[in-house]
N, C-alpha and C. Protein backbone atom coordinates (compact mmCIF):
# COMPACT_ATOMS: atom_id res chain seq x y z
N UNK A 1 203.97 -56.41 24.22
CA UNK A 1 205.41 -57.00 24.90
C UNK A 1 206.11 -57.80 24.07
N UNK A 2 207.21 -57.69 23.98
CA UNK A 2 208.22 -57.92 23.32
C UNK A 2 208.54 -59.78 23.88
N UNK A 3 208.51 -60.70 23.02
CA UNK A 3 208.72 -61.85 23.57
C UNK A 3 210.44 -62.21 23.80
N UNK A 4 210.74 -63.18 24.65
CA UNK A 4 212.53 -63.13 25.01
C UNK A 4 212.93 -63.79 23.70
N UNK A 5 212.21 -64.68 23.00
CA UNK A 5 212.97 -64.89 21.69
C UNK A 5 213.14 -63.82 21.06
N UNK A 6 212.05 -62.74 20.67
CA UNK A 6 212.22 -61.69 19.73
C UNK A 6 213.52 -60.90 20.18
N UNK A 7 213.71 -60.38 21.69
CA UNK A 7 214.64 -59.81 22.20
C UNK A 7 215.80 -60.33 22.17
N UNK A 8 215.91 -61.67 22.35
CA UNK A 8 217.12 -62.44 22.13
C UNK A 8 217.64 -62.35 20.72
N UNK A 9 216.94 -62.33 19.69
CA UNK A 9 217.33 -62.20 18.11
C UNK A 9 217.60 -61.09 18.06
N UNK A 10 216.74 -59.57 18.40
CA UNK A 10 217.17 -58.48 18.21
C UNK A 10 218.92 -58.26 18.78
N UNK A 11 218.86 -58.59 20.10
CA UNK A 11 220.07 -58.16 20.64
C UNK A 11 221.24 -58.57 20.07
N UNK A 12 221.19 -60.18 19.84
CA UNK A 12 222.26 -60.73 18.93
C UNK A 12 222.30 -60.12 17.58
N UNK A 13 221.72 -59.60 17.01
CA UNK A 13 221.68 -58.87 15.97
C UNK A 13 222.42 -57.35 15.90
N UNK A 14 222.14 -56.95 17.02
CA UNK A 14 222.79 -55.87 17.48
C UNK A 14 223.88 -55.87 17.62
N UNK A 15 224.30 -56.80 18.37
CA UNK A 15 225.81 -57.34 18.75
C UNK A 15 226.68 -57.60 17.88
N UNK A 16 225.87 -58.49 16.31
CA UNK A 16 226.50 -58.76 15.54
C UNK A 16 227.13 -57.67 14.76
N UNK A 17 226.32 -56.95 14.70
CA UNK A 17 226.33 -55.48 13.84
C UNK A 17 228.01 -54.62 14.65
N UNK A 18 227.74 -54.87 15.81
CA UNK A 18 228.77 -53.96 16.65
C UNK A 18 229.94 -54.69 16.69
N UNK A 19 229.99 -56.00 16.48
CA UNK A 19 231.35 -56.85 16.81
C UNK A 19 231.99 -56.75 15.10
N UNK A 20 231.42 -56.46 14.16
CA UNK A 20 232.27 -56.56 12.44
C UNK A 20 232.64 -55.33 12.32
N UNK A 21 232.32 -54.04 13.41
CA UNK A 21 232.98 -53.15 13.53
C UNK A 21 234.32 -52.78 14.21
N UNK A 22 234.33 -53.51 15.14
CA UNK A 22 235.46 -53.72 16.04
C UNK A 22 236.94 -53.63 15.18
N UNK A 23 237.84 -52.56 15.66
CA UNK A 23 238.91 -52.71 14.90
C UNK A 23 240.18 -53.45 15.75
N UNK A 24 240.26 -54.62 15.46
CA UNK A 24 241.03 -55.59 16.17
C UNK A 24 242.81 -55.41 16.33
N UNK A 25 243.06 -54.37 15.32
CA UNK A 25 244.09 -53.85 15.87
C UNK A 25 244.47 -53.23 16.79
N UNK A 26 243.38 -52.41 17.06
CA UNK A 26 243.14 -51.38 18.04
C UNK A 26 242.97 -52.21 19.52
N UNK A 27 242.17 -53.02 19.48
CA UNK A 27 242.16 -53.95 20.54
C UNK A 27 243.36 -54.67 20.99
N UNK A 28 244.26 -55.23 20.27
CA UNK A 28 245.75 -55.50 20.35
C UNK A 28 246.36 -54.30 20.88
N UNK A 29 246.60 -53.22 20.20
CA UNK A 29 247.19 -52.09 20.62
C UNK A 29 246.69 -51.67 22.64
N UNK A 30 245.48 -51.94 22.96
CA UNK A 30 245.05 -51.85 24.24
C UNK A 30 245.49 -53.11 25.15
N UNK A 31 245.22 -54.39 24.66
CA UNK A 31 245.43 -55.64 25.41
C UNK A 31 247.23 -55.98 25.44
N UNK A 32 247.65 -55.17 24.49
CA UNK A 32 249.05 -55.79 24.67
C UNK A 32 250.08 -55.21 25.96
N UNK A 33 249.84 -53.88 26.16
CA UNK A 33 250.54 -53.36 27.41
C UNK A 33 249.76 -53.90 28.52
N UNK A 34 248.36 -54.29 28.67
CA UNK A 34 248.01 -54.67 29.74
C UNK A 34 248.69 -56.42 29.71
N UNK A 35 249.02 -57.13 28.84
CA UNK A 35 249.38 -58.33 29.34
C UNK A 35 251.00 -57.99 29.68
N UNK A 36 251.64 -57.47 29.02
CA UNK A 36 252.85 -56.94 29.63
C UNK A 36 253.12 -56.35 30.77
N UNK A 37 252.02 -55.57 31.08
CA UNK A 37 252.07 -55.35 32.50
C UNK A 37 252.01 -56.33 33.62
N UNK A 38 251.09 -57.50 33.21
CA UNK A 38 251.07 -58.47 34.24
C UNK A 38 252.24 -59.47 34.16
N UNK A 39 252.74 -59.35 33.01
CA UNK A 39 253.82 -60.44 33.09
C UNK A 39 254.99 -59.64 33.86
N UNK A 40 255.38 -58.65 34.04
CA UNK A 40 256.32 -57.47 34.42
C UNK A 40 256.14 -57.48 35.82
N UNK A 41 254.98 -57.64 36.59
CA UNK A 41 254.60 -57.99 38.14
C UNK A 41 253.87 -56.23 38.23
N UNK A 42 253.59 -55.37 37.47
CA UNK A 42 253.16 -54.08 37.66
C UNK A 42 251.52 -54.33 37.99
N UNK A 43 251.10 -53.73 38.69
CA UNK A 43 249.75 -53.57 39.48
C UNK A 43 249.06 -53.23 38.33
N UNK A 44 247.51 -53.91 37.77
CA UNK A 44 246.95 -52.81 37.04
C UNK A 44 245.52 -52.76 37.52
N UNK A 45 244.79 -51.77 36.85
CA UNK A 45 243.69 -51.39 37.85
C UNK A 45 242.49 -50.88 36.93
N UNK A 46 241.38 -51.29 36.79
CA UNK A 46 240.31 -50.95 35.71
C UNK A 46 239.01 -51.04 36.47
N UNK A 47 238.26 -49.99 35.51
CA UNK A 47 236.78 -49.84 35.94
C UNK A 47 236.12 -50.64 34.74
N UNK A 48 235.25 -51.52 35.29
CA UNK A 48 235.15 -52.44 33.72
C UNK A 48 233.42 -53.23 34.13
N UNK A 49 233.18 -53.43 32.95
CA UNK A 49 231.71 -54.14 33.24
C UNK A 49 231.96 -55.80 32.98
N UNK A 50 232.67 -55.82 33.61
CA UNK A 50 233.27 -57.52 33.60
C UNK A 50 234.15 -58.34 32.79
N UNK A 51 233.76 -59.22 32.67
CA UNK A 51 234.40 -59.91 31.62
C UNK A 51 236.08 -60.17 31.77
N UNK A 52 236.78 -60.01 30.59
CA UNK A 52 238.09 -60.32 30.52
C UNK A 52 238.92 -59.40 31.59
N UNK A 53 238.66 -58.19 31.64
CA UNK A 53 239.38 -57.22 32.60
C UNK A 53 239.19 -57.49 33.87
N UNK A 54 237.67 -58.15 34.28
CA UNK A 54 237.44 -58.12 35.69
C UNK A 54 238.47 -59.34 36.08
N UNK A 55 238.64 -60.59 35.68
CA UNK A 55 239.49 -61.39 35.78
C UNK A 55 240.49 -61.76 35.82
N UNK A 56 241.36 -60.38 34.81
CA UNK A 56 242.99 -60.14 34.71
C UNK A 56 243.44 -59.00 35.04
N UNK A 57 243.12 -58.53 36.27
CA UNK A 57 243.69 -57.36 36.55
C UNK A 57 243.67 -57.49 38.15
N UNK A 58 244.65 -56.91 38.80
CA UNK A 58 245.02 -56.81 40.17
C UNK A 58 243.91 -56.27 40.84
N UNK A 59 243.17 -55.04 40.67
CA UNK A 59 242.02 -54.65 41.14
C UNK A 59 241.10 -54.08 40.52
N UNK A 60 239.77 -54.61 40.70
CA UNK A 60 238.77 -54.25 39.57
C UNK A 60 237.56 -53.73 40.36
N UNK A 61 236.87 -52.72 40.20
CA UNK A 61 235.88 -52.31 40.73
C UNK A 61 234.82 -52.45 39.55
N UNK A 62 234.02 -53.47 39.90
CA UNK A 62 232.67 -53.66 39.11
C UNK A 62 231.58 -53.62 39.52
N UNK A 63 230.57 -52.83 39.12
CA UNK A 63 229.22 -52.50 39.26
C UNK A 63 228.04 -53.28 38.99
N UNK A 64 227.80 -54.27 39.09
CA UNK A 64 226.84 -55.24 38.18
C UNK A 64 225.60 -54.48 37.67
N UNK A 65 225.21 -54.75 36.65
CA UNK A 65 224.01 -53.97 36.43
C UNK A 65 223.21 -54.86 34.93
N UNK A 66 221.72 -54.42 34.68
CA UNK A 66 221.00 -55.22 33.95
C UNK A 66 221.44 -54.70 32.76
N UNK A 67 221.68 -55.89 31.61
CA UNK A 67 222.15 -55.14 29.85
C UNK A 67 220.81 -54.04 29.96
N UNK A 68 221.38 -53.07 29.44
CA UNK A 68 221.13 -51.74 28.88
C UNK A 68 220.77 -50.58 30.05
N UNK A 69 221.22 -51.06 31.42
CA UNK A 69 221.24 -50.14 32.42
C UNK A 69 222.38 -49.83 33.21
N UNK A 70 223.47 -49.04 32.37
CA UNK A 70 224.34 -48.63 32.43
C UNK A 70 224.47 -47.25 33.40
N UNK A 71 223.44 -46.71 33.61
CA UNK A 71 223.68 -45.25 33.81
C UNK A 71 224.33 -45.14 35.33
N UNK A 72 223.77 -46.14 36.12
CA UNK A 72 224.39 -46.07 37.70
C UNK A 72 225.76 -46.30 37.44
N UNK A 73 226.17 -47.54 36.97
CA UNK A 73 227.58 -48.23 36.99
C UNK A 73 228.29 -46.67 36.77
N UNK A 74 228.11 -46.38 35.38
CA UNK A 74 228.87 -45.35 34.77
C UNK A 74 229.14 -44.04 35.87
N UNK A 75 228.08 -43.68 36.70
CA UNK A 75 228.04 -42.50 37.47
C UNK A 75 229.00 -43.30 38.73
N UNK A 76 229.44 -44.42 39.25
CA UNK A 76 229.73 -44.63 39.96
C UNK A 76 231.36 -44.64 39.70
N UNK A 77 231.49 -45.06 38.37
CA UNK A 77 233.07 -44.58 37.73
C UNK A 77 233.36 -43.64 37.61
N UNK A 78 232.63 -42.52 37.19
CA UNK A 78 232.90 -41.18 37.44
C UNK A 78 233.24 -41.00 38.64
N UNK A 79 232.55 -41.01 39.78
CA UNK A 79 232.88 -41.01 41.04
C UNK A 79 234.23 -41.56 41.63
N UNK A 80 234.20 -42.64 41.26
CA UNK A 80 235.85 -43.31 41.73
C UNK A 80 236.78 -42.85 40.59
N UNK A 81 236.78 -42.34 39.39
CA UNK A 81 238.05 -41.85 38.58
C UNK A 81 238.36 -40.48 39.60
N UNK A 82 237.28 -39.76 39.89
CA UNK A 82 237.47 -38.28 40.52
C UNK A 82 238.46 -38.64 41.85
N UNK A 83 237.80 -39.69 42.53
CA UNK A 83 238.33 -39.75 44.03
C UNK A 83 240.11 -40.11 43.49
N UNK A 84 240.26 -41.18 42.57
CA UNK A 84 241.60 -41.44 42.01
C UNK A 84 242.44 -40.23 41.68
N UNK A 85 241.85 -39.67 41.10
CA UNK A 85 242.32 -38.69 40.17
C UNK A 85 243.01 -37.57 41.39
N UNK A 86 242.03 -37.14 42.31
CA UNK A 86 242.12 -36.33 43.71
C UNK A 86 243.44 -36.86 44.14
N UNK A 87 243.42 -38.24 44.59
CA UNK A 87 244.53 -38.67 45.37
C UNK A 87 245.73 -38.59 44.65
N UNK A 88 245.65 -38.47 43.28
CA UNK A 88 247.02 -38.49 42.55
C UNK A 88 247.70 -37.40 42.49
N UNK A 89 246.67 -36.43 42.26
CA UNK A 89 247.24 -35.07 42.24
C UNK A 89 247.76 -34.22 43.64
N UNK A 90 247.30 -34.90 44.55
CA UNK A 90 247.30 -34.60 46.08
C UNK A 90 248.73 -35.31 46.36
N UNK A 91 248.89 -36.54 45.97
CA UNK A 91 250.23 -37.26 46.27
C UNK A 91 251.46 -36.73 45.84
N UNK A 92 251.04 -36.76 44.23
CA UNK A 92 252.46 -35.93 43.37
C UNK A 92 252.59 -34.81 42.71
N UNK A 93 251.50 -33.81 42.65
CA UNK A 93 251.63 -32.48 42.34
C UNK A 93 251.75 -31.82 43.53
N UNK A 94 251.44 -31.96 44.87
CA UNK A 94 251.72 -31.07 46.16
C UNK A 94 252.92 -31.79 46.95
N UNK A 95 253.54 -32.81 46.29
CA UNK A 95 254.75 -33.49 46.75
C UNK A 95 255.84 -32.63 47.11
């Protein structure tokens, strides 16, 4: 059985490797339109795992999960995306 200290060490090492691979310019290309829409009063909607987007958008669907157990949340997000897609198709394509 892995100790909590070993798990913490391994997990932080894993996160560190991921963090150095992040393209900060791509993050800015994503974040800037979000911030601009907020300042313009445009409603923003996100499916997220929490964090920044959970706190900074108008409507957020958040499915809490344990670290590493994202399957259920991803399934719910797919369901919600399908429902939203169906709604907009009916509303705008069949108008």
